[in-house]
Amino acid sequence: MTTGQTETTIDTIAAECIAVRVRMLNRAITKIYDDALRPLGLKASQMNILVAAGKMGTARPADVCAHLHLDVSTLSRNVERMKVKGWLEVVHDEDGRAQPFRLTDAGRELLDRAGPAWQIAQERAESVLGEGLVDQLKQAVKRL
């Protein structure tokens, strides 16, 4: 590839790459939630796992990974941290390999306390994105 072609490729990717823009958006929006949740010692990524566990009752790692589009190592690292904090507990499983988990009472209480901070972050994120883009994001996620 010549220098001219390389520069064209660089310029095209810099101007049009969807992945770059989505990652920038992800970091900016995650920061809004993380800032709001920080006083509780909670991160948005952890909150998502806690909410998934709360919805599922007994959460199997493979199901949580599929639902949240996480890789197994990211989930297990977060689950371990939240077990140490007392927010999640492992549920005995006949299989022994899956390590299903569920919210503890402390995890439920944390989510209750996080509700107002989450609402503030949600409103800030909606303000940054605008109603139209929020609706488009919801539709895009449904297509995944």
C-alpha atoms as a PDB file:
ATOM      1  CA  MET A   1       0.000   0.000   0.000  1.00  0.00           C
ATOM      2  CA  THR A   2       1.381   3.405  -0.887  1.00  0.00           C
ATOM      3  CA  THR A   3       1.551   6.317   1.518  1.00  0.00           C
ATOM      4  CA  GLY A   4      -1.308   7.998  -0.340  1.00  0.00           C
ATOM      5  CA  GLN A   5      -3.490   4.906  -0.007  1.00  0.00           C
ATOM      6  CA  THR A   6      -2.585   4.607   3.662  1.00  0.00           C
ATOM      7  CA  GLU A   7      -3.536   8.227   4.306  1.00  0.00           C
ATOM      8  CA  THR A   8      -6.858   7.701   2.501  1.00  0.00           C
ATOM      9  CA  THR A   9      -7.551   4.601   4.586  1.00  0.00           C
ATOM     10  CA  ILE A  10      -6.669   6.450   7.794  1.00  0.00           C
ATOM     11  CA  ASP A  11      -8.846   9.420   6.849  1.00  0.00           C
ATOM     12  CA  THR A  12     -11.783   7.185   5.913  1.00  0.00           C
ATOM     13  CA  ILE A  13     -11.622   5.162   9.120  1.00  0.00           C
ATOM     14  CA  ALA A  14     -11.151   8.288  11.257  1.00  0.00           C
ATOM     15  CA  ALA A  15     -14.170   9.951   9.647  1.00  0.00           C
ATOM     16  CA  GLU A  16     -16.546   7.005   9.331  1.00  0.00           C
ATOM     17  CA  CYS A  17     -15.747   4.147  11.721  1.00  0.00           C
ATOM     18  CA  ILE A  18     -18.883   3.133  13.599  1.00  0.00           C
ATOM     19  CA  ALA A  19     -16.910   1.096  16.151  1.00  0.00           C
ATOM     20  CA  VAL A  20     -14.870   4.137  17.201  1.00  0.00           C
ATOM     21  CA  ARG A  21     -17.981   6.250  17.660  1.00  0.00           C
ATOM     22  CA  VAL A  22     -19.881   3.578  19.580  1.00  0.00           C
ATOM     23  CA  ARG A  23     -16.893   3.036  21.889  1.00  0.00           C
ATOM     24  CA  MET A  24     -16.609   6.802  22.494  1.00  0.00           C
ATOM     25  CA  LEU A  25     -20.323   6.964  23.231  1.00  0.00           C
ATOM     26  CA  ASN A  26     -20.048   3.948  25.530  1.00  0.00           C
ATOM     27  CA  ARG A  27     -17.251   5.547  27.543  1.00  0.00           C
ATOM     28  CA  ALA A  28     -19.051   8.897  27.847  1.00  0.00           C
ATOM     29  CA  ILE A  29     -22.379   7.386  28.916  1.00  0.00           C
ATOM     30  CA  THR A  30     -20.746   4.853  31.250  1.00  0.00           C
ATOM     31  CA  LYS A  31     -18.917   7.726  32.955  1.00  0.00           C
ATOM     32  CA  ILE A  32     -22.251   9.429  33.664  1.00  0.00           C
ATOM     33  CA  TYR A  33     -23.563   6.304  35.399  1.00  0.00           C
ATOM     34  CA  ASP A  34     -20.286   5.491  37.156  1.00  0.00           C
ATOM     35  CA  ASP A  35     -20.071   9.047  38.530  1.00  0.00           C
ATOM     36  CA  ALA A  36     -23.630   8.830  39.872  1.00  0.00           C
ATOM     37  CA  LEU A  37     -23.131   5.364  41.394  1.00  0.00           C
ATOM     38  CA  ARG A  38     -19.631   5.948  42.811  1.00  0.00           C
ATOM     39  CA  PRO A  39     -20.855   7.108  46.266  1.00  0.00           C
ATOM     40  CA  LEU A  40     -22.433   3.658  46.642  1.00  0.00           C
ATOM     41  CA  GLY A  41     -19.221   1.846  45.685  1.00  0.00           C
ATOM     42  CA  LEU A  42     -20.951   0.564  42.561  1.00  0.00           C
ATOM     43  CA  LYS A  43     -20.115   0.720  38.853  1.00  0.00           C
ATOM     44  CA  ALA A  44     -22.564   0.624  35.957  1.00  0.00           C
ATOM     45  CA  SER A  45     -21.072  -2.669  34.770  1.00  0.00           C
ATOM     46  CA  GLN A  46     -21.704  -4.221  38.185  1.00  0.00           C
ATOM     47  CA  MET A  47     -25.208  -2.783  38.389  1.00  0.00           C
ATOM     48  CA  ASN A  48     -26.087  -4.401  35.064  1.00  0.00           C
ATOM     49  CA  ILE A  49     -25.038  -7.812  36.393  1.00  0.00           C
ATOM     50  CA  LEU A  50     -26.923  -7.293  39.661  1.00  0.00           C
ATOM     51  CA  VAL A  51     -30.064  -6.313  37.754  1.00  0.00           C
ATOM     52  CA  ALA A  52     -29.720  -9.339  35.454  1.00  0.00           C
ATOM     53  CA  ALA A  53     -29.354 -11.594  38.497  1.00  0.00           C
ATOM     54  CA  GLY A  54     -32.375  -9.956  40.084  1.00  0.00           C
ATOM     55  CA  LYS A  55     -34.465 -10.532  36.963  1.00  0.00           C
ATOM     56  CA  MET A  56     -33.293 -14.127  36.540  1.00  0.00           C
ATOM     57  CA  GLY A  57     -33.563 -15.188  40.187  1.00  0.00           C
ATOM     58  CA  THR A  58     -30.884 -17.832  39.880  1.00  0.00           C
ATOM     59  CA  ALA A  59     -28.515 -16.580  37.199  1.00  0.00           C
ATOM     60  CA  ARG A  60     -26.462 -18.987  35.136  1.00  0.00           C
ATOM     61  CA  PRO A  61     -23.252 -17.393  33.859  1.00  0.00           C
ATOM     62  CA  ALA A  62     -23.895 -18.431  30.246  1.00  0.00           C
ATOM     63  CA  ASP A  63     -27.342 -16.827  30.354  1.00  0.00           C
ATOM     64  CA  VAL A  64     -26.024 -13.586  31.847  1.00  0.00           C
ATOM     65  CA  CYS A  65     -23.206 -13.473  29.282  1.00  0.00           C
ATOM     66  CA  ALA A  66     -25.661 -13.973  26.433  1.00  0.00           C
ATOM     67  CA  HIS A  67     -28.114 -11.405  27.799  1.00  0.00           C
ATOM     68  CA  LEU A  68     -25.513  -8.696  28.481  1.00  0.00           C
ATOM     69  CA  HIS A  69     -23.163  -9.593  25.587  1.00  0.00           C
ATOM     70  CA  LEU A  70     -20.271 -10.187  28.009  1.00  0.00           C
ATOM     71  CA  ASP A  71     -17.394 -12.595  27.738  1.00  0.00           C
ATOM     72  CA  VAL A  72     -17.098 -15.205  30.484  1.00  0.00           C
ATOM     73  CA  SER A  73     -13.892 -13.781  31.981  1.00  0.00           C
ATOM     74  CA  THR A  74     -15.426 -10.305  32.385  1.00  0.00           C
ATOM     75  CA  LEU A  75     -18.498 -11.754  34.071  1.00  0.00           C
ATOM     76  CA  SER A  76     -16.564 -14.052  36.411  1.00  0.00           C
ATOM     77  CA  ARG A  77     -14.187 -11.244  37.444  1.00  0.00           C
ATOM     78  CA  ASN A  78     -17.145  -8.977  38.290  1.00  0.00           C
ATOM     79  CA  VAL A  79     -19.101 -11.738  40.035  1.00  0.00           C
ATOM     80  CA  GLU A  80     -16.084 -12.577  42.223  1.00  0.00           C
ATOM     81  CA  ARG A  81     -15.746  -8.934  43.286  1.00  0.00           C
ATOM     82  CA  MET A  82     -19.450  -8.701  44.068  1.00  0.00           C
ATOM     83  CA  LYS A  83     -19.381 -11.957  46.047  1.00  0.00           C
ATOM     84  CA  VAL A  84     -16.591 -10.508  48.196  1.00  0.00           C
ATOM     85  CA  LYS A  85     -18.731  -7.393  48.775  1.00  0.00           C
ATOM     86  CA  GLY A  86     -21.648  -9.605  49.762  1.00  0.00           C
ATOM     87  CA  TRP A  87     -23.928  -8.553  46.886  1.00  0.00           C
ATOM     88  CA  LEU A  88     -24.039 -11.964  45.171  1.00  0.00           C
ATOM     89  CA  GLU A  89     -23.858 -15.552  46.364  1.00  0.00           C
ATOM     90  CA  VAL A  90     -23.206 -18.813  44.563  1.00  0.00           C
ATOM     91  CA  VAL A  91     -26.110 -21.246  44.350  1.00  0.00           C
ATOM     92  CA  HIS A  92     -25.353 -24.962  44.630  1.00  0.00           C
ATOM     93  CA  ASP A  93     -25.749 -26.666  41.268  1.00  0.00           C
ATOM     94  CA  GLU A  94     -25.854 -30.393  40.519  1.00  0.00           C
ATOM     95  CA  ASP A  95     -23.539 -29.830  37.563  1.00  0.00           C
ATOM     96  CA  GLY A  96     -20.887 -28.130  39.679  1.00  0.00           C
ATOM     97  CA  ARG A  97     -19.334 -26.356  36.705  1.00  0.00           C
ATOM     98  CA  ALA A  98     -21.803 -23.577  35.959  1.00  0.00           C
ATOM     99  CA  GLN A  99     -21.556 -21.701  39.310  1.00  0.00           C
ATOM    100  CA  PRO A 100     -25.007 -20.073  39.169  1.00  0.00           C
ATOM    101  CA  PHE A 101     -25.447 -17.071  41.439  1.00  0.00           C
ATOM    102  CA  ARG A 102     -28.164 -14.852  42.877  1.00  0.00           C
ATOM    103  CA  LEU A 103     -28.607 -11.552  44.628  1.00  0.00           C
ATOM    104  CA  THR A 104     -28.156 -11.487  48.373  1.00  0.00           C
ATOM    105  CA  ASP A 105     -30.282  -9.319  50.637  1.00  0.00           C
ATOM    106  CA  ALA A 106     -27.366  -6.862  50.661  1.00  0.00           C
ATOM    107  CA  GLY A 107     -27.379  -6.849  46.845  1.00  0.00           C
ATOM    108  CA  ARG A 108     -31.107  -6.098  46.795  1.00  0.00           C
ATOM    109  CA  GLU A 109     -30.666  -3.316  49.344  1.00  0.00           C
ATOM    110  CA  LEU A 110     -27.832  -1.867  47.267  1.00  0.00           C
ATOM    111  CA  LEU A 111     -30.030  -1.793  44.163  1.00  0.00           C
ATOM    112  CA  ASP A 112     -32.776  -0.077  46.164  1.00  0.00           C
ATOM    113  CA  ARG A 113     -30.285   2.568  47.327  1.00  0.00           C
ATOM    114  CA  ALA A 114     -28.895   2.879  43.782  1.00  0.00           C
ATOM    115  CA  GLY A 115     -32.303   3.655  42.275  1.00  0.00           C
ATOM    116  CA  PRO A 116     -32.222   7.443  42.801  1.00  0.00           C
ATOM    117  CA  ALA A 117     -28.602   7.738  41.570  1.00  0.00           C
ATOM    118  CA  TRP A 118     -29.467   5.604  38.546  1.00  0.00           C
ATOM    119  CA  GLN A 119     -32.462   7.860  37.802  1.00  0.00           C
ATOM    120  CA  ILE A 120     -30.253  10.960  37.860  1.00  0.00           C
ATOM    121  CA  ALA A 121     -27.737   9.274  35.545  1.00  0.00           C
ATOM    122  CA  GLN A 122     -30.528   8.097  33.263  1.00  0.00           C
ATOM    123  CA  GLU A 123     -31.853  11.648  32.924  1.00  0.00           C
ATOM    124  CA  ARG A 124     -28.356  13.003  32.233  1.00  0.00           C
ATOM    125  CA  ALA A 125     -27.718  10.342  29.604  1.00  0.00           C
ATOM    126  CA  GLU A 126     -31.080  11.033  27.954  1.00  0.00           C
ATOM    127  CA  SER A 127     -30.239  14.741  27.932  1.00  0.00           C
ATOM    128  CA  VAL A 128     -26.873  14.098  26.272  1.00  0.00           C
ATOM    129  CA  LEU A 129     -28.270  11.683  23.688  1.00  0.00           C
ATOM    130  CA  GLY A 130     -31.642  13.246  23.007  1.00  0.00           C
ATOM    131  CA  GLU A 131     -34.945  11.393  22.905  1.00  0.00           C
ATOM    132  CA  GLY A 132     -34.629  10.387  19.249  1.00  0.00           C
ATOM    133  CA  LEU A 133     -31.257   8.721  19.696  1.00  0.00           C
ATOM    134  CA  VAL A 134     -32.395   6.959  22.881  1.00  0.00           C
ATOM    135  CA  ASP A 135     -35.298   5.452  20.927  1.00  0.00           C
ATOM    136  CA  GLN A 136     -32.957   4.440  18.091  1.00  0.00           C
ATOM    137  CA  LEU A 137     -30.580   2.781  20.579  1.00  0.00           C
ATOM    138  CA  LYS A 138     -33.440   0.771  22.068  1.00  0.00           C
ATOM    139  CA  GLN A 139     -34.407  -0.421  18.584  1.00  0.00           C
ATOM    140  CA  ALA A 140     -30.793  -1.252  17.681  1.00  0.00           C
ATOM    141  CA  VAL A 141     -30.389  -3.368  20.829  1.00  0.00           C
ATOM    142  CA  LYS A 142     -33.552  -5.294  19.966  1.00  0.00           C
ATOM    143  CA  ARG A 143     -31.903  -6.303  16.673  1.00  0.00           C
ATOM    144  CA  LEU A 144     -28.877  -7.855  18.391  1.00  0.00           C
END
